[in-house]
PDB file of N, CA and C in Angstrom:
ATOM      1  N   UNK A   1      28.750  61.975-200.821  1.00  0.00           N
ATOM      2  CA  UNK A   1      30.297  61.897-200.825  1.00  0.00           C
ATOM      3  C   UNK A   1      29.960  59.650-200.673  1.00  0.00           C
ATOM      4  N   UNK A   2      30.364  58.851-200.741  1.00  0.00           N
ATOM      5  CA  UNK A   2      30.469  57.571-200.459  1.00  0.00           C
ATOM      6  C   UNK A   2      31.459  57.486-199.527  1.00  0.00           C
ATOM      7  N   UNK A   3      31.372  56.537-198.641  1.00  0.00           N
ATOM      8  CA  UNK A   3      32.205  55.974-197.732  1.00  0.00           C
ATOM      9  C   UNK A   3      33.149  55.542-198.460  1.00  0.00           C
ATOM     10  N   UNK A   4      34.451  54.596-198.518  1.00  0.00           N
ATOM     11  CA  UNK A   4      34.775  54.162-199.069  1.00  0.00           C
ATOM     12  C   UNK A   4      35.017  52.684-198.224  1.00  0.00           C
ATOM     13  N   UNK A   5      35.004  51.725-199.076  1.00  0.00           N
ATOM     14  CA  UNK A   5      34.819  50.375-198.625  1.00  0.00           C
ATOM     15  C   UNK A   5      36.615  49.997-198.231  1.00  0.00           C
ATOM     16  N   UNK A   6      35.870  48.797-196.956  1.00  0.00           N
ATOM     17  CA  UNK A   6      36.935  48.803-196.375  1.00  0.00           C
ATOM     18  C   UNK A   6      37.423  46.808-196.615  1.00  0.00           C
ATOM     19  N   UNK A   7      38.505  46.883-196.305  1.00  0.00           N
ATOM     20  CA  UNK A   7      39.128  45.465-196.962  1.00  0.00           C
ATOM     21  C   UNK A   7      38.989  44.605-196.336  1.00  0.00           C
ATOM     22  N   UNK A   8      39.415  43.344-196.374  1.00  0.00           N
ATOM     23  CA  UNK A   8      38.750  42.112-195.625  1.00  0.00           C
ATOM     24  C   UNK A   8      39.914  42.463-194.296  1.00  0.00           C
ATOM     25  N   UNK A   9      40.586  42.998-194.135  1.00  0.00           N
ATOM     26  CA  UNK A   9      41.570  42.888-193.230  1.00  0.00           C
ATOM     27  C   UNK A   9      41.237  44.389-192.251  1.00  0.00           C
ATOM     28  N   UNK A  10      40.904  45.396-192.570  1.00  0.00           N
ATOM     29  CA  UNK A  10      40.783  46.774-191.688  1.00  0.00           C
ATOM     30  C   UNK A  10      38.766  45.747-191.423  1.00  0.00           C
ATOM     31  N   UNK A  11      38.449  44.659-192.001  1.00  0.00           N
ATOM     32  CA  UNK A  11      36.747  44.887-191.730  1.00  0.00           C
ATOM     33  C   UNK A  11      36.622  43.440-189.858  1.00  0.00           C
ATOM     34  N   UNK A  12      38.223  43.097-190.424  1.00  0.00           N
ATOM     35  CA  UNK A  12      38.746  42.344-189.500  1.00  0.00           C
ATOM     36  C   UNK A  12      39.062  42.945-187.855  1.00  0.00           C
ATOM     37  N   UNK A  13      39.892  44.296-188.137  1.00  0.00           N
ATOM     38  CA  UNK A  13      40.097  44.478-187.156  1.00  0.00           C
ATOM     39  C   UNK A  13      38.919  45.253-186.494  1.00  0.00           C
ATOM     40  N   UNK A  14      37.854  46.144-187.560  1.00  0.00           N
ATOM     41  CA  UNK A  14      36.960  46.457-186.838  1.00  0.00           C
ATOM     42  C   UNK A  14      35.692  45.663-186.229  1.00  0.00           C
ATOM     43  N   UNK A  15      35.300  44.686-186.734  1.00  0.00           N
ATOM     44  CA  UNK A  15      35.151  43.526-185.514  1.00  0.00           C
ATOM     45  C   UNK A  15      35.400  43.108-184.389  1.00  0.00           C
ATOM     46  N   UNK A  16      37.298  43.357-184.083  1.00  0.00           N
ATOM     47  CA  UNK A  16      37.548  42.916-183.289  1.00  0.00           C
ATOM     48  C   UNK A  16      37.564  44.133-182.225  1.00  0.00           C
ATOM     49  N   UNK A  17      37.405  45.284-182.563  1.00  0.00           N
ATOM     50  CA  UNK A  17      37.278  46.423-182.073  1.00  0.00           C
ATOM     51  C   UNK A  17      36.124  46.790-181.111  1.00  0.00           C
ATOM     52  N   UNK A  18      34.708  46.040-182.180  1.00  0.00           N
ATOM     53  CA  UNK A  18      33.697  45.965-181.515  1.00  0.00           C
ATOM     54  C   UNK A  18      33.343  45.040-180.709  1.00  0.00           C
ATOM     55  N   UNK A  19      34.116  44.167-180.491  1.00  0.00           N
ATOM     56  CA  UNK A  19      33.490  42.525-179.557  1.00  0.00           C
ATOM     57  C   UNK A  19      34.492  43.121-178.142  1.00  0.00           C
ATOM     58  N   UNK A  20      34.790  44.270-178.247  1.00  0.00           N
ATOM     59  CA  UNK A  20      35.809  44.274-176.784  1.00  0.00           C
ATOM     60  C   UNK A  20      34.474  45.057-176.096  1.00  0.00           C
ATOM     61  N   UNK A  21      33.882  45.699-176.933  1.00  0.00           N
ATOM     62  CA  UNK A  21      32.198  46.327-175.785  1.00  0.00           C
ATOM     63  C   UNK A  21      30.862  45.392-176.228  1.00  0.00           C
ATOM     64  N   UNK A  22      30.951  44.284-175.769  1.00  0.00           N
ATOM     65  CA  UNK A  22      29.231  43.874-176.663  1.00  0.00           C
ATOM     66  C   UNK A  22      28.101  44.398-176.140  1.00  0.00           C
ATOM     67  N   UNK A  23      27.114  44.213-176.735  1.00  0.00           N
ATOM     68  CA  UNK A  23      25.748  44.934-176.583  1.00  0.00           C
ATOM     69  C   UNK A  23      25.356  44.860-178.344  1.00  0.00           C
ATOM     70  N   UNK A  24      23.483  44.219-177.714  1.00  0.00           N
ATOM     71  CA  UNK A  24      22.606  43.880-178.768  1.00  0.00           C
ATOM     72  C   UNK A  24      23.262  45.100-180.493  1.00  0.00           C
ATOM     73  N   UNK A  25      23.218  46.488-180.186  1.00  0.00           N
ATOM     74  CA  UNK A  25      23.965  46.768-181.463  1.00  0.00           C
ATOM     75  C   UNK A  25      25.389  46.747-181.948  1.00  0.00           C
ATOM     76  N   UNK A  26      25.552  46.679-181.394  1.00  0.00           N
ATOM     77  CA  UNK A  26      27.381  46.145-181.701  1.00  0.00           C
ATOM     78  C   UNK A  26      27.449  44.746-182.277  1.00  0.00           C
ATOM     79  N   UNK A  27      26.493  43.517-181.592  1.00  0.00           N
ATOM     80  CA  UNK A  27      26.476  42.326-182.213  1.00  0.00           C
ATOM     81  C   UNK A  27      25.954  42.418-183.523  1.00  0.00           C
ATOM     82  N   UNK A  28      24.886  43.608-183.621  1.00  0.00           N
ATOM     83  CA  UNK A  28      24.092  43.588-185.155  1.00  0.00           C
ATOM     84  C   UNK A  28      25.200  44.081-186.003  1.00  0.00           C
ATOM     85  N   UNK A  29      25.631  44.971-185.752  1.00  0.00           N
ATOM     86  CA  UNK A  29      27.242  45.555-186.786  1.00  0.00           C
ATOM     87  C   UNK A  29      27.795  44.327-186.714  1.00  0.00           C
ATOM     88  N   UNK A  30      28.669  44.142-186.072  1.00  0.00           N
ATOM     89  CA  UNK A  30      29.528  42.663-185.874  1.00  0.00           C
ATOM     90  C   UNK A  30      29.218  41.387-187.120  1.00  0.00           C
ATOM     91  N   UNK A  31      27.842  41.451-186.966  1.00  0.00           N
ATOM     92  CA  UNK A  31      27.147  40.237-187.951  1.00  0.00           C
ATOM     93  C   UNK A  31      26.979  40.560-188.905  1.00  0.00           C
ATOM     94  N   UNK A  32      26.778  41.962-189.098  1.00  0.00           N
ATOM     95  CA  UNK A  32      27.044  42.525-190.734  1.00  0.00           C
ATOM     96  C   UNK A  32      27.995  42.816-191.464  1.00  0.00           C
ATOM     97  N   UNK A  33      28.902  42.992-190.344  1.00  0.00           N
ATOM     98  CA  UNK A  33      29.990  42.989-191.263  1.00  0.00           C
ATOM     99  C   UNK A  33      31.109  42.087-191.186  1.00  0.00           C
ATOM    100  N   UNK A  34      30.593  41.267-190.660  1.00  0.00           N
ATOM    101  CA  UNK A  34      31.539  39.785-190.776  1.00  0.00           C
ATOM    102  C   UNK A  34      30.420  38.894-192.691  1.00  0.00           C
ATOM    103  N   UNK A  35      29.695  39.114-192.614  1.00  0.00           N
ATOM    104  CA  UNK A  35      28.431  38.590-193.475  1.00  0.00           C
ATOM    105  C   UNK A  35      29.016  39.263-195.194  1.00  0.00           C
ATOM    106  N   UNK A  36      28.984  40.558-195.290  1.00  0.00           N
ATOM    107  CA  UNK A  36      29.140  41.428-196.057  1.00  0.00           C
ATOM    108  C   UNK A  36      30.896  40.454-196.286  1.00  0.00           C
ATOM    109  N   UNK A  37      32.044  40.734-195.772  1.00  0.00           N
ATOM    110  CA  UNK A  37      33.353  40.211-196.125  1.00  0.00           C
ATOM    111  C   UNK A  37      33.366  38.553-195.743  1.00  0.00           C
ATOM    112  N   UNK A  38      32.592  38.140-195.669  1.00  0.00           N
ATOM    113  CA  UNK A  38      32.990  36.135-195.444  1.00  0.00           C
ATOM    114  C   UNK A  38      33.697  35.746-194.336  1.00  0.00           C
ATOM    115  N   UNK A  39      33.130  36.577-192.898  1.00  0.00           N
ATOM    116  CA  UNK A  39      34.245  36.515-192.074  1.00  0.00           C
ATOM    117  C   UNK A  39      33.912  35.572-191.276  1.00  0.00           C
ATOM    118  N   UNK A  40      34.535  34.297-190.766  1.00  0.00           N
ATOM    119  CA  UNK A  40      33.984  33.623-189.622  1.00  0.00           C
ATOM    120  C   UNK A  40      34.160  33.961-188.662  1.00  0.00           C
ATOM    121  N   UNK A  41      33.347  34.094-187.585  1.00  0.00           N
ATOM    122  CA  UNK A  41      32.868  34.562-186.035  1.00  0.00           C
ATOM    123  C   UNK A  41      33.945  33.504-185.337  1.00  0.00           C
ATOM    124  N   UNK A  42      33.579  32.357-185.310  1.00  0.00           N
ATOM    125  CA  UNK A  42      34.681  31.210-184.289  1.00  0.00           C
ATOM    126  C   UNK A  42      33.609  31.242-183.339  1.00  0.00           C
ATOM    127  N   UNK A  43      34.533  31.613-182.051  1.00  0.00           N
ATOM    128  CA  UNK A  43      33.700  31.680-180.794  1.00  0.00           C
ATOM    129  C   UNK A  43      32.949  32.354-180.647  1.00  0.00           C
ATOM    130  N   UNK A  44      33.029  33.539-180.905  1.00  0.00           N
ATOM    131  CA  UNK A  44      32.444  35.001-180.681  1.00  0.00           C
ATOM    132  C   UNK A  44      30.807  34.594-180.998  1.00  0.00           C
ATOM    133  N   UNK A  45      30.651  33.884-181.864  1.00  0.00           N
ATOM    134  CA  UNK A  45      29.034  33.303-182.318  1.00  0.00           C
ATOM    135  C   UNK A  45      28.310  32.819-181.077  1.00  0.00           C
ATOM    136  N   UNK A  46      29.038  32.162-180.273  1.00  0.00           N
ATOM    137  CA  UNK A  46      28.611  31.103-178.927  1.00  0.00           C
ATOM    138  C   UNK A  46      28.454  32.157-177.574  1.00  0.00           C
ATOM    139  N   UNK A  47      28.908  33.815-177.923  1.00  0.00           N
ATOM    140  CA  UNK A  47      28.372  34.294-176.979  1.00  0.00           C
ATOM    141  C   UNK A  47      27.014  35.134-177.028  1.00  0.00           C
ATOM    142  N   UNK A  48      26.276  35.181-178.084  1.00  0.00           N
ATOM    143  CA  UNK A  48      24.994  35.605-178.118  1.00  0.00           C
ATOM    144  C   UNK A  48      23.790  34.934-179.125  1.00  0.00           C
ATOM    145  N   UNK A  49      22.708  35.642-178.856  1.00  0.00           N
ATOM    146  CA  UNK A  49      21.364  34.202-179.379  1.00  0.00           C
ATOM    147  C   UNK A  49      21.142  34.716-180.782  1.00  0.00           C
ATOM    148  N   UNK A  50      21.244  33.681-181.785  1.00  0.00           N
ATOM    149  CA  UNK A  50      21.390  33.927-183.388  1.00  0.00           C
ATOM    150  C   UNK A  50      20.029  35.040-183.193  1.00  0.00           C
ATOM    151  N   UNK A  51      18.558  35.005-182.750  1.00  0.00           N
ATOM    152  CA  UNK A  51      17.327  35.646-183.118  1.00  0.00           C
ATOM    153  C   UNK A  51      17.569  36.494-182.281  1.00  0.00           C
ATOM    154  N   UNK A  52      17.703  37.122-181.237  1.00  0.00           N
ATOM    155  CA  UNK A  52      17.292  38.396-180.956  1.00  0.00           C
ATOM    156  C   UNK A  52      18.764  39.308-180.157  1.00  0.00           C
ATOM    157  N   UNK A  53      19.845  38.370-180.491  1.00  0.00           N
ATOM    158  CA  UNK A  53      21.445  39.281-180.494  1.00  0.00           C
ATOM    159  C   UNK A  53      21.353  39.434-178.863  1.00  0.00           C
ATOM    160  N   UNK A  54      21.182  39.036-178.078  1.00  0.00           N
ATOM    161  CA  UNK A  54      21.100  39.198-176.982  1.00  0.00           C
ATOM    162  C   UNK A  54      22.301  38.456-176.333  1.00  0.00           C
ATOM    163  N   UNK A  55      23.431  39.291-175.788  1.00  0.00           N
ATOM    164  CA  UNK A  55      24.119  38.398-174.699  1.00  0.00           C
ATOM    165  C   UNK A  55      23.710  37.652-173.608  1.00  0.00           C
ATOM    166  N   UNK A  56      24.707  36.233-174.063  1.00  0.00           N
ATOM    167  CA  UNK A  56      24.272  34.853-173.178  1.00  0.00           C
ATOM    168  C   UNK A  56      25.150  35.531-171.756  1.00  0.00           C
ATOM    169  N   UNK A  57      24.022  35.370-171.082  1.00  0.00           N
ATOM    170  CA  UNK A  57      24.747  35.936-169.417  1.00  0.00           C
ATOM    171  C   UNK A  57      23.898  34.490-168.198  1.00  0.00           C
ATOM    172  N   UNK A  58      24.384  35.040-167.339  1.00  0.00           N
ATOM    173  CA  UNK A  58      22.936  34.524-166.170  1.00  0.00           C
ATOM    174  C   UNK A  58      22.082  34.449-166.139  1.00  0.00           C
ATOM    175  N   UNK A  59      21.564  35.905-166.567  1.00  0.00           N
ATOM    176  CA  UNK A  59      20.626  36.616-166.255  1.00  0.00           C
ATOM    177  C   UNK A  59      19.607  35.970-167.722  1.00  0.00           C
ATOM    178  N   UNK A  60      19.719  35.554-168.817  1.00  0.00           N
ATOM    179  CA  UNK A  60      19.138  35.859-169.850  1.00  0.00           C
ATOM    180  C   UNK A  60      19.457  34.703-170.560  1.00  0.00           C
ATOM    181  N   UNK A  61      20.150  33.233-170.058  1.00  0.00           N
ATOM    182  CA  UNK A  61      20.405  32.198-170.766  1.00  0.00           C
ATOM    183  C   UNK A  61      20.466  30.852-169.549  1.00  0.00           C
ATOM    184  N   UNK A  62      19.991  30.024-169.894  1.00  0.00           N
ATOM    185  CA  UNK A  62      20.473  28.805-169.332  1.00  0.00           C
ATOM    186  C   UNK A  62      21.046  27.899-170.258  1.00  0.00           C
ATOM    187  N   UNK A  63      22.136  27.107-169.357  1.00  0.00           N
ATOM    188  CA  UNK A  63      23.615  26.398-169.925  1.00  0.00           C
ATOM    189  C   UNK A  63      23.209  25.104-169.548  1.00  0.00           C
ATOM    190  N   UNK A  64      23.194  24.086-170.551  1.00  0.00           N
ATOM    191  CA  UNK A  64      22.961  22.700-170.456  1.00  0.00           C
ATOM    192  C   UNK A  64      24.669  21.897-170.704  1.00  0.00           C
ATOM    193  N   UNK A  65      25.065  20.864-170.550  1.00  0.00           N
ATOM    194  CA  UNK A  65      25.614  20.216-171.062  1.00  0.00           C
ATOM    195  C   UNK A  65      25.421  18.965-171.213  1.00  0.00           C
ATOM    196  N   UNK A  66      25.069  18.321-172.254  1.00  0.00           N
ATOM    197  CA  UNK A  66      24.528  16.970-172.468  1.00  0.00           C
ATOM    198  C   UNK A  66      25.234  16.193-174.030  1.00  0.00           C
ATOM    199  N   UNK A  67      25.586  14.784-173.696  1.00  0.00           N
ATOM    200  CA  UNK A  67      26.100  14.185-174.881  1.00  0.00           C
ATOM    201  C   UNK A  67      27.098  14.963-176.273  1.00  0.00           C
ATOM    202  N   UNK A  68      28.124  15.286-175.431  1.00  0.00           N
ATOM    203  CA  UNK A  68      29.396  16.330-175.537  1.00  0.00           C
ATOM    204  C   UNK A  68      28.528  17.525-176.460  1.00  0.00           C
ATOM    205  N   UNK A  69      27.859  17.883-175.873  1.00  0.00           N
ATOM    206  CA  UNK A  69      26.396  19.327-176.556  1.00  0.00           C
ATOM    207  C   UNK A  69      26.444  20.294-175.453  1.00  0.00           C
ATOM    208  N   UNK A  70      26.980  21.622-175.994  1.00  0.00           N
ATOM    209  CA  UNK A  70      26.393  22.312-175.059  1.00  0.00           C
ATOM    210  C   UNK A  70      25.337  23.131-175.501  1.00  0.00           C
ATOM    211  N   UNK A  71      24.723  23.308-174.682  1.00  0.00           N
ATOM    212  CA  UNK A  71      22.921  23.489-174.993  1.00  0.00           C
ATOM    213  C   UNK A  71      22.396  24.813-174.362  1.00  0.00           C
ATOM    214  N   UNK A  72      22.532  25.518-175.225  1.00  0.00           N
ATOM    215  CA  UNK A  72      21.973  27.056-174.129  1.00  0.00           C
ATOM    216  C   UNK A  72      20.330  27.422-175.088  1.00  0.00           C
ATOM    217  N   UNK A  73      19.754  28.021-173.848  1.00  0.00           N
ATOM    218  CA  UNK A  73      18.092  28.281-173.941  1.00  0.00           C
ATOM    219  C   UNK A  73      18.346  29.852-173.710  1.00  0.00           C
ATOM    220  N   UNK A  74      17.711  30.642-174.738  1.00  0.00           N
ATOM    221  CA  UNK A  74      17.745  32.363-174.358  1.00  0.00           C
ATOM    222  C   UNK A  74      16.235  32.198-173.845  1.00  0.00           C
ATOM    223  N   UNK A  75      16.668  32.854-172.736  1.00  0.00           N
ATOM    224  CA  UNK A  75      15.300  33.408-171.655  1.00  0.00           C
ATOM    225  C   UNK A  75      14.268  34.744-172.363  1.00  0.00           C
ATOM    226  N   UNK A  76      15.060  35.048-173.312  1.00  0.00           N
ATOM    227  CA  UNK A  76      14.558  36.354-173.958  1.00  0.00           C
ATOM    228  C   UNK A  76      13.307  35.901-175.140  1.00  0.00           C
ATOM    229  N   UNK A  77      13.652  35.179-176.035  1.00  0.00           N
ATOM    230  CA  UNK A  77      12.691  34.369-177.242  1.00  0.00           C
ATOM    231  C   UNK A  77      13.098  32.840-177.281  1.00  0.00           C
ATOM    232  N   UNK A  78      13.226  32.432-176.062  1.00  0.00           N
ATOM    233  CA  UNK A  78      13.348  31.128-176.130  1.00  0.00           C
ATOM    234  C   UNK A  78      14.283  30.526-177.030  1.00  0.00           C
ATOM    235  N   UNK A  79      15.471  30.869-177.916  1.00  0.00           N
ATOM    236  CA  UNK A  79      15.518  30.150-179.050  1.00  0.00           C
ATOM    237  C   UNK A  79      17.031  29.373-178.621  1.00  0.00           C
ATOM    238  N   UNK A  80      16.830  28.275-179.084  1.00  0.00           N
ATOM    239  CA  UNK A  80      17.867  27.285-178.684  1.00  0.00           C
ATOM    240  C   UNK A  80      18.712  27.108-179.315  1.00  0.00           C
ATOM    241  N   UNK A  81      19.759  27.268-178.652  1.00  0.00           N
ATOM    242  CA  UNK A  81      21.413  26.902-179.482  1.00  0.00           C
ATOM    243  C   UNK A  81      22.028  25.952-179.121  1.00  0.00           C
ATOM    244  N   UNK A  82      22.444  25.091-179.582  1.00  0.00           N
ATOM    245  CA  UNK A  82      23.702  23.811-179.616  1.00  0.00           C
ATOM    246  C   UNK A  82      24.578  23.648-180.463  1.00  0.00           C
ATOM    247  N   UNK A  83      25.663  23.522-179.117  1.00  0.00           N
ATOM    248  CA  UNK A  83      27.328  23.732-179.921  1.00  0.00           C
ATOM    249  C   UNK A  83      28.428  22.346-179.617  1.00  0.00           C
ATOM    250  N   UNK A  84      28.778  21.575-180.456  1.00  0.00           N
ATOM    251  CA  UNK A  84      29.698  20.622-180.184  1.00  0.00           C
ATOM    252  C   UNK A  84      30.750  20.658-179.448  1.00  0.00           C
ATOM    253  N   UNK A  85      30.924  20.198-178.253  1.00  0.00           N
ATOM    254  CA  UNK A  85      32.276  20.075-177.540  1.00  0.00           C
ATOM    255  C   UNK A  85      33.248  19.396-177.994  1.00  0.00           C
ATOM    256  N   UNK A  86      34.524  19.697-177.749  1.00  0.00           N
ATOM    257  CA  UNK A  86      35.602  19.353-178.939  1.00  0.00           C
ATOM    258  C   UNK A  86      36.541  18.550-177.473  1.00  0.00           C
TER     259      UNK A  86
END
């Protein structure tokens, strides 16, 4: 028996529930759900590495602010993420 497909609002609710308890597995699920329904993650995407899906915290990331950009370097995979500060 096939699973019922979720609507966009149901998917957003599921993403909100998963984002309360962030882990690398939950982050992968959140990304997959958001991409399937074309949902923007907004500020949530700044909380994890795009490459290895690890959470940015004091142990596994280095944060700098330079020229109106927030630069985060992941210590696990050495990926650099840049976000414009408004």
